[in-house]
């Protein structure tokens, strides 16, 4: 199964963006959690 280069690039971009989004959400969640604890 060999994908065209363009297609593979698109998938990689999608995955990295998704991963980045999840990490950002986790960061925000941690911050809000800290605010609740220390607030």
N, C-alpha and C. Protein backbone atom coordinates (compact mmCIF):
# COMPACT_ATOMS: atom_id res chain seq x y z
N UNK A 1 0.84 -1.20 0.00
CA UNK A 1 0.00 0.00 0.00
C UNK A 1 0.88 1.25 0.00
N UNK A 2 1.06 1.83 -1.16
CA UNK A 2 1.84 3.06 -1.25
C UNK A 2 0.92 4.21 -1.62
N UNK A 3 0.88 5.19 -0.77
CA UNK A 3 0.03 6.35 -1.03
C UNK A 3 0.81 7.39 -1.83
N UNK A 4 0.11 8.20 -2.59
CA UNK A 4 0.78 9.32 -3.24
C UNK A 4 1.34 10.27 -2.19
N UNK A 5 2.43 10.93 -2.53
CA UNK A 5 3.12 11.80 -1.59
C UNK A 5 2.18 12.88 -1.02
N UNK A 6 1.39 13.47 -1.90
CA UNK A 6 0.48 14.56 -1.50
C UNK A 6 -0.52 14.07 -0.47
N UNK A 7 -1.04 12.89 -0.71
CA UNK A 7 -2.05 12.30 0.18
C UNK A 7 -1.46 12.04 1.56
N UNK A 8 -0.24 11.50 1.56
CA UNK A 8 0.43 11.19 2.82
C UNK A 8 0.70 12.47 3.61
N UNK A 9 1.09 13.51 2.88
CA UNK A 9 1.37 14.80 3.50
C UNK A 9 0.12 15.37 4.16
N UNK A 10 -1.01 15.20 3.48
CA UNK A 10 -2.29 15.69 4.00
C UNK A 10 -2.65 14.99 5.29
N UNK A 11 -2.44 13.68 5.32
CA UNK A 11 -2.76 12.88 6.51
C UNK A 11 -1.85 13.28 7.67
N UNK A 12 -0.57 13.45 7.39
CA UNK A 12 0.39 13.84 8.42
C UNK A 12 -0.02 15.20 9.01
N UNK A 13 -0.40 16.13 8.13
CA UNK A 13 -0.81 17.46 8.56
C UNK A 13 -2.04 17.37 9.46
N UNK A 14 -3.00 16.56 9.04
CA UNK A 14 -4.22 16.36 9.81
C UNK A 14 -3.92 15.82 11.20
N UNK A 15 -3.10 14.80 11.24
CA UNK A 15 -2.77 14.14 12.51
C UNK A 15 -2.04 15.09 13.45
N UNK A 16 -1.06 15.82 12.90
CA UNK A 16 -0.29 16.74 13.75
C UNK A 16 -1.17 17.87 14.26
N UNK A 17 -2.06 18.38 13.42
CA UNK A 17 -2.97 19.45 13.84
C UNK A 17 -3.89 18.95 14.94
N UNK A 18 -4.39 17.73 14.77
CA UNK A 18 -5.28 17.13 15.76
C UNK A 18 -4.54 16.95 17.09
N UNK A 19 -3.31 16.45 17.00
CA UNK A 19 -2.48 16.23 18.19
C UNK A 19 -2.23 17.55 18.90
N UNK A 20 -1.93 18.59 18.12
CA UNK A 20 -1.68 19.92 18.68
C UNK A 20 -2.93 20.44 19.39
N UNK A 21 -4.07 20.26 18.75
CA UNK A 21 -5.34 20.70 19.33
C UNK A 21 -5.62 20.00 20.65
N UNK A 22 -5.39 18.71 20.68
CA UNK A 22 -5.63 17.92 21.90
C UNK A 22 -4.71 18.40 23.02
N UNK A 23 -3.45 18.66 22.67
CA UNK A 23 -2.49 19.11 23.68
C UNK A 23 -2.88 20.48 24.22
N UNK A 24 -3.34 21.37 23.31
CA UNK A 24 -3.77 22.70 23.74
C UNK A 24 -4.96 22.60 24.69
N UNK A 25 -5.90 21.72 24.34
CA UNK A 25 -7.08 21.51 25.18
C UNK A 25 -6.67 21.01 26.56
N UNK A 26 -5.73 20.09 26.59
CA UNK A 26 -5.25 19.54 27.86
C UNK A 26 -4.60 20.64 28.70
N UNK A 27 -3.86 21.51 28.04
CA UNK A 27 -3.21 22.62 28.73
C UNK A 27 -4.25 23.54 29.35
N UNK A 28 -5.25 23.89 28.55
CA UNK A 28 -6.33 24.75 29.04
C UNK A 28 -7.06 24.09 30.20
N UNK A 29 -7.30 22.81 30.08
CA UNK A 29 -8.00 22.05 31.11
C UNK A 29 -7.19 22.09 32.41
N UNK A 30 -5.88 21.89 32.29
CA UNK A 30 -5.01 21.92 33.47
C UNK A 30 -5.04 23.29 34.12
N UNK A 31 -5.01 24.34 33.30
CA UNK A 31 -5.01 25.71 33.81
C UNK A 31 -6.31 25.98 34.56
N UNK A 32 -7.44 25.64 33.95
CA UNK A 32 -8.73 25.88 34.58
C UNK A 32 -8.85 25.05 35.86
N UNK A 33 -8.28 23.87 35.85
CA UNK A 33 -8.30 23.00 37.03
C UNK A 33 -7.49 23.65 38.15
N UNK A 34 -6.34 24.22 37.79
CA UNK A 34 -5.49 24.90 38.76
C UNK A 34 -6.20 26.12 39.34
N UNK A 35 -6.93 26.84 38.50
CA UNK A 35 -7.68 28.02 38.95
C UNK A 35 -8.73 27.60 39.97
N UNK A 36 -9.39 26.49 39.70
CA UNK A 36 -10.42 25.99 40.61
C UNK A 36 -9.80 25.63 41.96
N UNK A 37 -8.64 25.00 41.93
CA UNK A 37 -7.98 24.56 43.16
C UNK A 37 -7.45 25.75 43.96
N UNK A 38 -6.75 26.66 43.28
CA UNK A 38 -6.10 27.77 43.98
C UNK A 38 -7.00 29.00 44.10
N UNK A 39 -8.11 29.01 43.40
CA UNK A 39 -8.98 30.18 43.38
C UNK A 39 -9.76 30.37 44.66
